[in-house]
N, C-alpha and C. Protein backbone atom coordinates (compact mmCIF):
# COMPACT_ATOMS: atom_id res chain seq x y z
N LEU A 1 -18.58 -20.11 6.97
CA LEU A 1 -17.59 -20.25 6.82
C LEU A 1 -16.70 -20.46 8.29
N LEU A 2 -16.85 -19.66 8.91
CA LEU A 2 -16.35 -20.22 10.02
C LEU A 2 -16.38 -21.12 11.02
N THR A 3 -17.84 -22.04 10.62
CA THR A 3 -18.34 -23.05 11.35
C THR A 3 -17.34 -24.15 10.53
N ASN A 4 -16.66 -24.05 9.42
CA ASN A 4 -16.50 -25.24 8.57
C ASN A 4 -14.99 -24.93 8.67
N SER A 5 -14.38 -23.76 8.95
CA SER A 5 -12.88 -23.75 9.03
C SER A 5 -12.49 -23.33 10.39
N LYS A 6 -13.40 -24.01 11.68
CA LYS A 6 -13.19 -23.91 13.16
C LYS A 6 -11.98 -24.90 13.59
N ASN A 7 -11.86 -26.08 12.92
CA ASN A 7 -10.91 -26.69 13.17
C ASN A 7 -9.82 -26.67 12.55
N ILE A 8 -9.41 -25.48 11.73
CA ILE A 8 -8.28 -25.37 10.88
C ILE A 8 -7.39 -24.69 11.40
N SER A 9 -6.15 -24.89 11.89
CA SER A 9 -5.37 -24.08 12.43
C SER A 9 -4.46 -22.94 11.56
N PHE A 10 -5.42 -22.10 11.34
CA PHE A 10 -5.04 -20.63 11.03
C PHE A 10 -5.30 -19.56 11.48
N THR A 11 -5.04 -18.30 11.39
CA THR A 11 -5.57 -17.13 11.86
C THR A 11 -5.63 -15.71 11.73
N GLY A 12 -6.27 -15.88 10.43
CA GLY A 12 -6.59 -14.70 9.35
C GLY A 12 -7.10 -15.06 8.31
N PHE A 13 -7.81 -14.37 7.69
CA PHE A 13 -8.75 -14.27 6.52
C PHE A 13 -8.28 -13.16 5.55
N CYS A 14 -8.32 -13.83 4.37
CA CYS A 14 -7.83 -13.01 3.29
C CYS A 14 -9.03 -12.46 2.22
N ILE A 15 -9.43 -11.49 2.27
CA ILE A 15 -10.85 -10.78 1.01
C ILE A 15 -10.48 -10.10 0.08
N ASN A 16 -10.27 -11.02 -1.03
CA ASN A 16 -9.75 -10.18 -2.05
C ASN A 16 -11.06 -9.60 -2.69
N ASP A 17 -12.15 -10.36 -3.52
CA ASP A 17 -13.01 -9.78 -4.15
C ASP A 17 -13.82 -8.67 -3.79
N ALA A 18 -14.31 -9.17 -2.27
CA ALA A 18 -15.22 -8.55 -1.62
C ALA A 18 -14.41 -6.89 -1.05
N GLY A 19 -13.21 -7.13 -1.18
CA GLY A 19 -12.46 -5.93 -0.61
C GLY A 19 -12.41 -4.90 -1.85
N ARG A 20 -12.26 -5.61 -2.70
CA ARG A 20 -11.90 -4.67 -3.91
C ARG A 20 -13.31 -3.49 -4.71
N LEU A 21 -14.36 -4.92 -4.82
CA LEU A 21 -15.63 -4.12 -5.76
C LEU A 21 -16.86 -3.96 -5.12
N LEU A 22 -17.72 -3.10 -4.89
CA LEU A 22 -19.01 -2.87 -4.77
C LEU A 22 -19.77 -3.20 -6.36
N TYR A 23 -20.72 -4.27 -6.15
CA TYR A 23 -21.32 -4.57 -7.05
C TYR A 23 -22.47 -3.58 -7.44
N SER A 24 -22.91 -3.60 -8.45
CA SER A 24 -24.30 -2.90 -8.99
C SER A 24 -25.24 -3.77 -8.70
N ASP A 25 -26.58 -3.26 -8.89
CA ASP A 25 -27.78 -4.24 -8.45
C ASP A 25 -28.29 -5.22 -9.35
N PHE A 26 -27.96 -6.34 -9.23
CA PHE A 26 -28.38 -7.15 -10.17
C PHE A 26 -29.34 -8.01 -9.59
N GLY A 27 -29.93 -8.26 -8.49
CA GLY A 27 -30.62 -9.12 -7.41
C GLY A 27 -31.84 -8.99 -8.04
N ASP A 28 -32.58 -8.66 -9.04
CA ASP A 28 -34.10 -8.65 -9.45
C ASP A 28 -34.84 -8.97 -8.13
N GLY A 29 -34.80 -8.13 -7.66
CA GLY A 29 -35.61 -8.08 -6.18
C GLY A 29 -35.30 -8.61 -5.13
N TYR A 30 -34.52 -9.52 -5.36
CA TYR A 30 -34.24 -10.34 -3.91
C TYR A 30 -33.01 -9.70 -3.14
N ILE A 31 -31.97 -8.79 -3.77
CA ILE A 31 -31.38 -8.15 -2.62
C ILE A 31 -30.70 -7.00 -3.69
N ASN A 32 -30.41 -6.20 -3.08
CA ASN A 32 -29.91 -4.93 -3.57
C ASN A 32 -28.70 -4.86 -3.36
N ARG A 33 -28.00 -3.79 -3.82
CA ARG A 33 -26.44 -3.21 -3.54
C ARG A 33 -26.13 -3.08 -2.20
N GLN A 34 -27.24 -2.29 -1.48
CA GLN A 34 -26.95 -1.45 -0.12
C GLN A 34 -27.22 -2.73 0.88
N GLU A 35 -28.08 -3.68 0.53
CA GLU A 35 -28.56 -4.81 1.51
C GLU A 35 -26.83 -5.76 1.43
N ALA A 36 -26.72 -6.01 -0.10
CA ALA A 36 -25.49 -6.69 -0.48
C ALA A 36 -24.28 -6.36 0.70
N LYS A 37 -23.81 -4.83 0.52
CA LYS A 37 -22.81 -4.10 1.44
C LYS A 37 -23.31 -4.54 3.10
N ARG A 38 -24.10 -4.43 3.07
CA ARG A 38 -24.60 -4.50 4.52
C ARG A 38 -23.81 -5.83 5.26
N ARG A 39 -24.47 -6.61 4.86
CA ARG A 39 -23.90 -8.11 4.94
C ARG A 39 -22.81 -8.73 4.54
N ILE A 40 -22.14 -7.88 3.48
CA ILE A 40 -20.66 -8.30 3.57
C ILE A 40 -20.11 -7.52 4.74
N ALA A 41 -19.88 -6.36 4.79
CA ALA A 41 -19.51 -5.96 6.29
C ALA A 41 -19.86 -6.39 7.30
N SER A 42 -20.84 -7.04 7.88
CA SER A 42 -21.20 -7.80 8.61
C SER A 42 -20.56 -9.10 9.05
N HIS A 43 -20.34 -9.53 7.87
CA HIS A 43 -19.95 -10.84 7.87
C HIS A 43 -18.20 -10.65 8.00
N VAL A 44 -18.08 -9.74 7.29
CA VAL A 44 -16.15 -9.19 7.70
C VAL A 44 -15.75 -9.03 9.18
N GLN A 45 -17.07 -8.14 9.80
CA GLN A 45 -16.76 -8.16 10.97
C GLN A 45 -16.54 -9.41 11.82
N ALA A 46 -17.59 -10.28 11.43
CA ALA A 46 -17.33 -11.58 12.12
C ALA A 46 -15.95 -12.40 12.15
N LEU A 47 -15.96 -12.35 11.00
CA LEU A 47 -14.48 -12.82 10.45
C LEU A 47 -13.28 -12.30 11.50
N ALA A 48 -13.05 -10.69 11.43
CA ALA A 48 -11.89 -10.00 11.59
C ALA A 48 -12.02 -10.28 13.19
N THR A 49 -13.25 -10.76 14.01
CA THR A 49 -12.99 -10.98 15.50
C THR A 49 -12.00 -12.24 15.77
N GLN A 50 -11.18 -11.89 16.80
CA GLN A 50 -9.82 -12.56 17.20
C GLN A 50 -9.19 -13.06 16.03
N ARG A 51 -9.24 -12.66 15.06
CA ARG A 51 -8.23 -13.02 13.82
C ARG A 51 -7.56 -12.03 12.90
N GLY A 52 -6.64 -12.33 12.58
CA GLY A 52 -6.37 -11.07 10.72
C GLY A 52 -7.05 -11.09 10.20
N LEU A 53 -7.28 -10.04 9.36
CA LEU A 53 -8.20 -9.88 8.33
C LEU A 53 -6.91 -9.23 6.94
N MET A 54 -6.75 -9.79 5.69
CA MET A 54 -6.25 -8.86 5.14
C MET A 54 -7.29 -8.29 3.73
N VAL A 55 -6.99 -7.17 3.41
CA VAL A 55 -8.09 -7.05 1.95
C VAL A 55 -7.59 -6.64 1.08
N ASP A 56 -7.70 -6.75 0.05
CA ASP A 56 -7.66 -6.40 -1.61
C ASP A 56 -7.87 -4.93 -1.65
N THR A 57 -7.24 -4.15 -1.91
CA THR A 57 -7.59 -2.99 -2.12
C THR A 57 -8.33 -1.98 -1.11
N GLY A 58 -9.21 -2.60 -0.91
CA GLY A 58 -9.93 -2.00 0.72
C GLY A 58 -10.71 -0.89 0.43
N ASN A 59 -12.17 -1.12 -0.03
CA ASN A 59 -13.25 -0.32 -0.02
C ASN A 59 -13.54 0.29 1.34
N PHE A 60 -13.83 1.41 1.74
CA PHE A 60 -14.26 2.14 3.17
C PHE A 60 -15.06 1.16 4.13
N TYR A 61 -16.06 0.52 3.46
CA TYR A 61 -16.78 -0.34 4.01
C TYR A 61 -16.14 -1.62 5.05
N LEU A 62 -14.60 -1.74 4.35
CA LEU A 62 -14.17 -2.93 4.76
C LEU A 62 -12.89 -2.46 5.67
N VAL A 63 -12.43 -1.57 5.22
CA VAL A 63 -11.11 -1.48 5.81
C VAL A 63 -11.20 -1.25 6.98
N LYS A 64 -12.22 -0.76 7.97
CA LYS A 64 -12.14 -0.53 9.47
C LYS A 64 -11.64 -1.52 10.50
N ASN A 65 -12.50 -2.98 9.48
CA ASN A 65 -11.99 -4.19 10.24
C ASN A 65 -10.53 -4.88 9.75
N ALA A 66 -10.12 -4.18 8.99
CA ALA A 66 -8.81 -4.99 8.14
C ALA A 66 -7.35 -4.48 9.24
N ASP A 67 -6.48 -5.72 8.99
CA ASP A 67 -5.38 -5.31 9.53
C ASP A 67 -4.31 -5.27 8.64
N ILE A 68 -4.45 -5.68 7.50
CA ILE A 68 -3.49 -5.41 6.34
C ILE A 68 -4.49 -5.20 5.13
N ILE A 69 -3.87 -4.18 4.29
CA ILE A 69 -4.47 -4.19 2.68
C ILE A 69 -3.80 -4.01 1.84
N SER A 70 -3.69 -4.94 0.82
CA SER A 70 -2.84 -5.10 -0.39
C SER A 70 -3.22 -4.18 -1.35
N ASN A 71 -2.61 -3.97 -2.40
CA ASN A 71 -2.92 -3.04 -3.48
C ASN A 71 -3.75 -2.13 -3.28
N LEU A 72 -3.22 -1.03 -2.36
CA LEU A 72 -3.78 0.24 -2.02
C LEU A 72 -3.32 1.43 -3.16
N PRO A 73 -4.37 1.95 -3.88
CA PRO A 73 -4.14 2.41 -5.06
C PRO A 73 -2.77 3.42 -4.23
N SER A 74 -1.80 3.61 -5.50
CA SER A 74 -0.78 4.80 -5.50
C SER A 74 -0.74 5.65 -6.60
N SER A 75 -2.04 6.21 -7.13
CA SER A 75 -1.57 6.68 -8.54
C SER A 75 -3.33 7.28 -8.69
N THR A 76 -3.33 8.29 -9.58
CA THR A 76 -4.85 8.60 -9.69
C THR A 76 -4.97 8.98 -11.21
N PHE A 77 -6.20 9.09 -11.53
CA PHE A 77 -6.65 8.70 -12.88
C PHE A 77 -6.32 10.62 -13.86
N TYR A 78 -6.06 10.96 -13.05
CA TYR A 78 -5.76 12.35 -13.55
C TYR A 78 -3.97 12.59 -13.62
N SER A 79 -3.43 13.12 -14.59
CA SER A 79 -2.06 13.44 -14.61
C SER A 79 -1.64 14.44 -13.75
N GLU A 80 -0.45 15.06 -13.32
CA GLU A 80 -0.31 15.99 -12.51
C GLU A 80 0.16 16.80 -13.44
N SER A 81 -0.11 18.40 -13.13
CA SER A 81 0.42 19.39 -13.98
C SER A 81 0.42 20.75 -13.07
N ASP A 82 0.80 21.50 -13.48
CA ASP A 82 0.91 22.97 -12.57
C ASP A 82 -0.36 23.18 -11.49
N ALA A 83 -1.27 22.62 -12.19
CA ALA A 83 -2.56 23.03 -11.77
C ALA A 83 -3.17 21.97 -10.76
N TYR A 84 -2.49 20.65 -10.75
CA TYR A 84 -3.18 19.54 -10.09
C TYR A 84 -1.67 18.59 -9.59
N GLU A 85 -2.08 18.46 -8.05
CA GLU A 85 -0.95 17.72 -7.63
C GLU A 85 -1.38 16.38 -6.58
N SER A 86 -1.32 15.28 -6.83
CA SER A 86 -1.91 14.10 -6.26
C SER A 86 -1.16 14.04 -4.82
N VAL A 87 -2.06 13.69 -3.73
CA VAL A 87 -1.45 13.55 -2.61
C VAL A 87 -1.98 12.26 -1.78
N PRO A 88 -1.43 11.31 -1.31
CA PRO A 88 -1.36 10.11 -0.65
C PRO A 88 -2.62 10.44 0.65
N ALA A 89 -3.44 10.42 0.30
CA ALA A 89 -4.61 10.77 0.95
C ALA A 89 -4.87 9.64 2.03
N ALA A 90 -5.63 8.33 1.33
CA ALA A 90 -5.31 7.30 2.22
C ALA A 90 -4.16 6.99 2.87
N PRO A 91 -2.95 7.18 2.66
CA PRO A 91 -1.82 6.66 3.56
C PRO A 91 -1.73 7.71 4.55
N ILE A 92 -2.15 8.76 4.22
CA ILE A 92 -1.90 9.39 5.63
C ILE A 92 -3.19 9.27 6.21
N ILE A 93 -4.27 9.12 5.99
CA ILE A 93 -5.00 8.40 7.28
C ILE A 93 -5.08 6.88 7.78
N LEU A 94 -4.54 6.24 7.10
CA LEU A 94 -3.96 4.76 7.48
C LEU A 94 -2.98 4.67 8.05
N HIS A 95 -2.16 5.14 8.12
CA HIS A 95 -0.78 4.86 8.47
C HIS A 95 -0.36 5.19 10.08
N GLY A 96 -0.17 4.18 10.51
CA GLY A 96 -0.11 3.63 11.67
C GLY A 96 -1.13 2.56 12.42
N ILE A 97 -2.38 2.68 11.52
CA ILE A 97 -3.31 2.29 12.14
C ILE A 97 -3.74 0.84 11.52
N VAL A 98 -3.39 0.72 10.22
CA VAL A 98 -2.94 -0.52 9.39
C VAL A 98 -2.01 -0.70 8.65
N ASP A 99 -1.53 -2.08 8.55
CA ASP A 99 -0.02 -1.97 7.53
C ASP A 99 -0.69 -2.20 5.86
N TYR A 100 -0.57 -1.43 5.00
CA TYR A 100 -0.79 -1.86 3.62
C TYR A 100 0.16 -1.47 2.81
N SER A 101 0.56 -2.42 1.45
CA SER A 101 1.06 -2.48 0.45
C SER A 101 0.44 -1.88 -0.70
N GLY A 102 1.33 -1.29 -1.74
CA GLY A 102 0.82 -1.04 -3.04
C GLY A 102 0.71 -2.41 -4.21
N ARG A 103 0.85 -1.93 -5.27
CA ARG A 103 0.82 -2.71 -6.26
C ARG A 103 2.13 -3.68 -6.19
N ALA A 104 2.15 -4.72 -6.52
CA ALA A 104 3.67 -5.30 -6.54
C ALA A 104 4.58 -5.03 -7.73
N VAL A 105 5.65 -4.43 -6.99
CA VAL A 105 6.86 -3.79 -7.30
C VAL A 105 6.97 -4.30 -9.01
N ASN A 106 7.09 -5.94 -9.36
CA ASN A 106 7.43 -6.41 -10.41
C ASN A 106 6.55 -6.43 -11.30
N LEU A 107 5.25 -6.15 -11.41
CA LEU A 107 4.18 -6.23 -11.78
C LEU A 107 3.85 -4.33 -12.57
N THR A 108 4.73 -3.43 -12.25
CA THR A 108 4.57 -2.43 -12.33
C THR A 108 5.56 -2.38 -14.13
N GLY A 109 5.39 -0.79 -14.44
CA GLY A 109 6.19 -0.46 -15.98
C GLY A 109 7.48 -0.04 -15.59
N ASP A 110 7.46 0.16 -14.05
CA ASP A 110 8.97 1.08 -13.81
C ASP A 110 8.76 0.52 -12.60
N ARG A 111 9.93 -0.44 -12.35
CA ARG A 111 10.04 -0.71 -10.94
C ARG A 111 10.55 0.23 -9.66
N GLN A 112 11.99 1.07 -10.24
CA GLN A 112 12.36 1.91 -9.40
C GLN A 112 11.41 2.56 -8.96
N LYS A 113 10.59 3.33 -9.97
CA LYS A 113 9.78 4.24 -9.56
C LYS A 113 8.66 3.94 -8.45
N ALA A 114 8.10 2.75 -8.89
CA ALA A 114 7.38 1.82 -7.63
C ALA A 114 7.93 1.74 -6.37
N MET A 115 8.92 1.36 -6.08
CA MET A 115 10.06 1.19 -5.05
C MET A 115 10.23 2.44 -3.98
N LEU A 116 10.28 3.63 -4.89
CA LEU A 116 10.40 5.18 -4.22
C LEU A 116 8.88 5.34 -3.71
N LYS A 117 8.06 5.42 -4.43
CA LYS A 117 6.57 5.54 -4.18
C LYS A 117 6.60 4.91 -2.81
N SER A 118 6.42 3.68 -3.10
CA SER A 118 6.15 2.75 -1.81
C SER A 118 6.94 3.51 -0.65
N ILE A 119 8.20 3.98 -0.49
CA ILE A 119 8.99 4.47 0.52
C ILE A 119 7.97 5.69 0.97
N GLU A 120 8.06 6.67 -0.15
CA GLU A 120 7.44 7.76 0.26
C GLU A 120 5.95 7.78 0.82
N TYR A 121 5.26 6.37 0.33
CA TYR A 121 3.62 6.74 0.87
C TYR A 121 3.98 5.56 1.98
N GLY A 122 5.08 5.57 2.56
CA GLY A 122 5.27 4.38 4.12
C GLY A 122 4.52 2.97 4.01
N MET A 123 4.68 2.45 2.10
CA MET A 123 4.19 1.21 2.42
C MET A 123 5.16 -0.06 2.50
N LEU A 124 4.28 -1.00 2.83
CA LEU A 124 5.18 -2.22 2.87
C LEU A 124 5.85 -2.71 1.25
N PRO A 125 6.69 -3.16 1.38
CA PRO A 125 7.30 -3.98 0.21
C PRO A 125 6.32 -5.11 -0.55
N ALA A 126 6.19 -5.10 -1.85
CA ALA A 126 5.31 -6.40 -2.16
C ALA A 126 5.66 -6.45 -3.92
N TYR A 127 6.00 -8.16 -3.84
CA TYR A 127 6.42 -8.38 -5.00
C TYR A 127 5.04 -9.67 -5.20
N GLU A 128 5.04 -10.14 -6.39
CA GLU A 128 4.35 -11.37 -6.68
C GLU A 128 4.95 -12.18 -7.75
N TRP A 129 5.09 -13.33 -7.15
CA TRP A 129 5.92 -14.32 -7.73
C TRP A 129 5.28 -15.33 -8.15
N VAL A 130 5.72 -16.31 -9.33
CA VAL A 130 5.45 -17.83 -9.39
C VAL A 130 6.90 -18.65 -9.65
N PHE A 131 6.67 -20.11 -9.22
CA PHE A 131 8.10 -20.80 -9.02
C PHE A 131 7.63 -21.43 -10.75
N ASP A 132 8.47 -20.93 -11.88
CA ASP A 132 7.84 -21.46 -13.27
C ASP A 132 8.99 -20.36 -14.34
N SER A 133 9.89 -20.89 -14.53
CA SER A 133 10.93 -20.14 -15.11
C SER A 133 10.10 -19.98 -16.73
N GLU A 134 9.13 -20.50 -17.07
CA GLU A 134 8.73 -20.04 -18.43
C GLU A 134 7.64 -18.96 -18.38
N SER A 135 7.47 -18.45 -17.06
CA SER A 135 6.58 -17.51 -16.46
C SER A 135 7.22 -15.92 -16.24
N THR A 136 6.40 -14.98 -16.67
CA THR A 136 6.84 -13.47 -16.80
C THR A 136 6.68 -13.35 -15.26
N LEU A 137 6.64 -14.22 -14.26
CA LEU A 137 6.40 -13.81 -12.78
C LEU A 137 7.55 -14.72 -11.96
N TYR A 138 8.22 -15.65 -13.03
CA TYR A 138 9.35 -15.84 -12.51
C TYR A 138 9.79 -15.12 -11.56
N TYR A 139 10.30 -15.70 -10.32
CA TYR A 139 11.01 -15.05 -9.13
C TYR A 139 12.23 -14.67 -9.32
N ASN A 140 12.99 -15.57 -10.02
CA ASN A 140 14.64 -15.67 -10.17
C ASN A 140 15.13 -14.26 -10.38
N PRO A 141 14.77 -13.27 -11.58
CA PRO A 141 15.44 -12.63 -11.97
C PRO A 141 15.41 -11.10 -10.73
N TYR A 142 14.65 -11.03 -9.99
CA TYR A 142 13.94 -10.11 -9.11
C TYR A 142 14.78 -10.31 -7.62
N ILE A 143 15.22 -11.59 -7.56
CA ILE A 143 15.30 -11.75 -5.95
C ILE A 143 16.41 -10.71 -5.41
N THR A 144 17.82 -10.59 -5.84
CA THR A 144 18.42 -9.53 -5.23
C THR A 144 18.03 -8.42 -5.27
N GLU A 145 17.28 -7.78 -6.22
CA GLU A 145 16.66 -6.72 -6.52
C GLU A 145 15.80 -6.64 -5.15
N ALA A 146 14.83 -7.56 -4.72
CA ALA A 146 13.62 -7.81 -3.84
C ALA A 146 14.35 -7.62 -2.84
N VAL A 147 15.52 -7.83 -2.18
CA VAL A 147 15.82 -8.60 -1.09
C VAL A 147 16.63 -6.90 -0.48
N ASP A 148 17.54 -6.29 -1.30
CA ASP A 148 18.00 -5.01 -1.24
C ASP A 148 16.66 -4.02 -0.86
N PHE A 149 15.70 -4.10 -1.91
CA PHE A 149 14.49 -2.78 -1.32
C PHE A 149 14.03 -3.47 -0.12
N TYR A 150 13.84 -4.33 0.40
CA TYR A 150 13.09 -4.82 1.63
C TYR A 150 14.15 -4.39 2.85
N ASN A 151 15.18 -4.73 2.83
CA ASN A 151 16.43 -4.00 3.61
C ASN A 151 16.19 -2.59 3.37
N LYS A 152 16.27 -1.63 2.23
CA LYS A 152 16.24 -0.41 2.42
C LYS A 152 14.96 0.07 3.00
N SER A 153 13.81 -0.33 2.56
CA SER A 153 12.52 -0.36 3.76
C SER A 153 12.40 -0.47 5.18
N MET A 154 13.02 -1.72 5.05
CA MET A 154 12.84 -1.88 6.87
C MET A 154 14.13 -0.86 7.34
N GLU A 155 15.11 -0.18 6.79
CA GLU A 155 15.87 0.54 7.51
C GLU A 155 15.47 1.87 7.50
N LEU A 156 14.54 2.59 6.41
CA LEU A 156 13.84 3.54 6.54
C LEU A 156 12.55 3.58 7.53
N LEU A 157 11.79 2.85 7.36
CA LEU A 157 10.33 2.50 7.66
C LEU A 157 9.87 2.17 8.88
N SER A 158 10.84 0.87 9.55
CA SER A 158 10.48 -0.33 10.24
C SER A 158 9.99 0.36 11.92
N ASP A 159 10.65 1.58 11.95
CA ASP A 159 10.15 1.99 13.54
C ASP A 159 9.31 3.13 13.19
N LEU A 160 8.76 3.56 12.06
CA LEU A 160 7.56 4.04 11.64
C LEU A 160 6.42 3.49 11.95
N ARG A 161 6.45 2.44 11.62
CA ARG A 161 5.07 1.37 11.70
C ARG A 161 3.71 1.93 12.20
N THR A 162 3.94 2.37 13.64
CA THR A 162 2.92 2.79 14.35
C THR A 162 2.58 4.41 14.37
N SER A 163 3.26 4.92 13.91
CA SER A 163 3.56 6.70 13.65
C SER A 163 2.50 6.82 12.52
N ALA A 164 2.03 8.40 12.72
CA ALA A 164 1.40 8.58 11.76
C ALA A 164 1.80 9.71 10.55
N ILE A 165 1.47 9.75 9.78
CA ILE A 165 2.13 10.79 8.64
C ILE A 165 1.13 12.05 8.62
N THR A 166 2.07 13.03 9.03
CA THR A 166 1.50 14.44 9.44
C THR A 166 1.76 15.50 8.15
N ASN A 167 2.53 14.98 7.47
CA ASN A 167 2.05 16.17 6.37
C ASN A 167 3.13 15.09 4.95
N SER A 168 2.79 15.99 3.77
CA SER A 168 2.90 15.29 2.63
C SER A 168 3.40 16.59 1.45
N TYR A 169 4.29 16.56 0.92
CA TYR A 169 4.29 17.52 -0.40
C TYR A 169 5.45 17.89 -1.22
N THR A 170 4.95 18.55 -2.17
CA THR A 170 6.39 18.53 -3.36
C THR A 170 7.12 19.51 -2.69
N VAL A 171 8.37 19.23 -2.59
CA VAL A 171 9.60 20.25 -2.14
C VAL A 171 9.89 21.19 -3.50
N GLN A 172 10.25 20.31 -4.67
CA GLN A 172 10.47 20.96 -5.90
C GLN A 172 9.77 19.98 -6.65
N LYS A 173 9.98 20.19 -8.08
CA LYS A 173 9.86 19.38 -9.01
C LYS A 173 10.55 17.83 -9.03
N GLY A 174 10.18 17.20 -9.03
CA GLY A 174 10.58 15.54 -8.78
C GLY A 174 10.70 15.07 -7.45
N VAL A 175 10.50 16.12 -6.36
CA VAL A 175 11.06 15.78 -5.21
C VAL A 175 10.22 15.96 -4.26
N ARG A 176 9.53 14.81 -3.35
CA ARG A 176 8.41 14.48 -2.34
C ARG A 176 9.10 14.64 -1.40
N CYS A 177 8.51 15.25 -0.06
CA CYS A 177 8.63 14.86 1.37
C CYS A 177 7.32 14.46 1.98
N THR A 178 7.82 13.52 2.94
CA THR A 178 6.88 12.62 3.72
C THR A 178 7.50 13.11 5.11
N GLN A 179 6.60 13.68 6.14
CA GLN A 179 6.56 13.71 7.61
C GLN A 179 5.96 12.77 8.44
N TYR A 180 6.37 12.60 9.74
CA TYR A 180 5.70 12.05 10.49
C TYR A 180 5.53 12.42 12.11
N ASP A 181 4.90 12.06 12.49
CA ASP A 181 4.43 12.57 14.14
C ASP A 181 5.95 12.39 15.00
N THR A 182 6.82 11.62 14.52
CA THR A 182 8.06 11.55 15.45
C THR A 182 8.92 12.46 15.16
N GLY A 183 8.88 13.29 14.03
CA GLY A 183 9.75 13.89 13.71
C GLY A 183 10.93 13.66 12.57
N ALA A 184 10.42 12.38 12.32
CA ALA A 184 11.38 11.74 10.76
C ALA A 184 10.65 12.49 9.72
N VAL A 185 11.66 12.87 8.78
CA VAL A 185 11.33 13.52 7.54
C VAL A 185 12.03 12.45 6.34
N ILE A 186 11.38 11.92 5.21
CA ILE A 186 11.80 11.61 4.22
C ILE A 186 11.52 11.91 2.80
N TYR A 187 12.63 12.31 2.19
CA TYR A 187 12.88 12.72 0.94
C TYR A 187 13.05 11.88 -0.38
N VAL A 188 12.08 11.99 -1.25
CA VAL A 188 12.32 11.01 -1.92
C VAL A 188 12.33 11.96 -3.34
N ASN A 189 13.56 10.87 -4.35
CA ASN A 189 14.27 12.06 -5.30
C ASN A 189 13.89 11.23 -6.57
N TYR A 190 12.31 11.70 -7.47
CA TYR A 190 12.02 10.95 -8.56
C TYR A 190 13.20 11.42 -10.10
N ASN A 191 14.02 12.48 -9.95
CA ASN A 191 14.78 12.76 -11.08
C ASN A 191 15.84 12.06 -11.29
N THR A 192 16.19 12.24 -12.39
CA THR A 192 17.56 11.75 -12.61
C THR A 192 18.54 12.16 -12.83
N GLU A 193 18.83 13.49 -11.90
CA GLU A 193 19.86 14.18 -11.05
C GLU A 193 19.60 14.56 -9.61
N PRO A 194 20.67 14.17 -9.08
CA PRO A 194 20.85 14.29 -7.68
C PRO A 194 20.28 15.77 -7.22
N VAL A 195 19.75 15.73 -6.38
CA VAL A 195 18.98 17.08 -5.72
C VAL A 195 19.47 17.42 -4.78
N THR A 196 19.63 18.49 -4.26
CA THR A 196 20.26 19.10 -2.70
C THR A 196 19.03 20.30 -2.17
N ILE A 197 18.61 19.64 -1.01
CA ILE A 197 17.33 20.46 -0.30
C ILE A 197 17.86 20.18 1.03
N ASN A 198 17.79 21.67 1.48
CA ASN A 198 18.23 22.59 3.31
C ASN A 198 19.76 21.44 3.44
N GLU A 199 20.77 21.28 2.41
CA GLU A 199 22.29 21.34 2.44
C GLU A 199 22.16 19.40 2.29
N ILE A 200 21.36 19.12 2.35
CA ILE A 200 21.13 17.37 2.27
C ILE A 200 20.71 17.13 0.83
N THR A 201 21.64 16.13 0.18
CA THR A 201 21.87 15.79 -1.14
C THR A 201 21.04 14.54 -1.54
N ILE A 202 19.83 14.70 -2.17
CA ILE A 202 19.34 13.18 -2.48
C ILE A 202 20.06 12.70 -3.67
N PRO A 203 20.38 11.50 -3.76
CA PRO A 203 20.85 10.96 -5.09
C PRO A 203 19.88 10.89 -6.28
N ALA A 204 19.90 10.90 -7.30
CA ALA A 204 19.28 10.43 -8.69
C ALA A 204 18.37 9.16 -8.21
N GLN A 205 17.13 9.36 -8.35
CA GLN A 205 15.97 8.15 -8.25
C GLN A 205 16.25 7.21 -6.94
N ASP A 206 16.50 8.26 -5.64
CA ASP A 206 16.75 7.65 -4.62
C ASP A 206 15.80 8.08 -3.19
N CYS A 207 16.16 8.16 -2.09
CA CYS A 207 15.71 8.57 -1.23
C CYS A 207 16.64 8.56 0.16
N ILE A 208 16.29 9.60 1.06
CA ILE A 208 16.98 9.88 2.16
C ILE A 208 16.32 9.99 3.61
N ARG A 209 16.34 9.52 4.66
CA ARG A 209 15.54 10.15 5.65
C ARG A 209 16.16 10.84 6.62
N VAL A 210 15.94 11.67 7.03
CA VAL A 210 16.39 12.54 8.03
C VAL A 210 15.85 12.40 9.28
N SER A 211 16.82 12.11 10.50
CA SER A 211 16.29 12.05 12.04
C SER A 211 15.11 10.54 12.22
């Protein structure tokens, strides 16, 4: 791949399938899963040398060489309850080291919740469109919404791109707090009513940055 692309003027590669899946052993004795993993990881290291590398989802064999991770999971397989609370473990580890985005906002069932989750987890905004008015992915209905979301994300997160997340917790039901090593604090209110925390009112289904 490197030999065939050496005369093409681009500065990075996007690894989709290999970044998302680890295949079971169907090698019939020729190559097993561990060897396939080792080869892919070593090839990716070569691809990432002096180039940008983007991976889809990002299994941990490839994340260490990635510059951008798309479709980083932002939910769990288990429903939250009084006994169980999900935490953004991967964003806490990765923020400030690599850039990452979640699932495309317009592919989710609840776009507003997806946008708030993106802010809470320090993710890059993401949309997926096609130029086809007959497609459900036609970009036109979402342009204004996307512009507003990108601007809001830039306002809240742009100067935190290289900062580490130091804490993430539930303040009260439906309200999450993310803290950064710069002292910045972001409150996200998933409720349908405004909530006041420490004399700060967070509008319904919205977010606020403090400091």
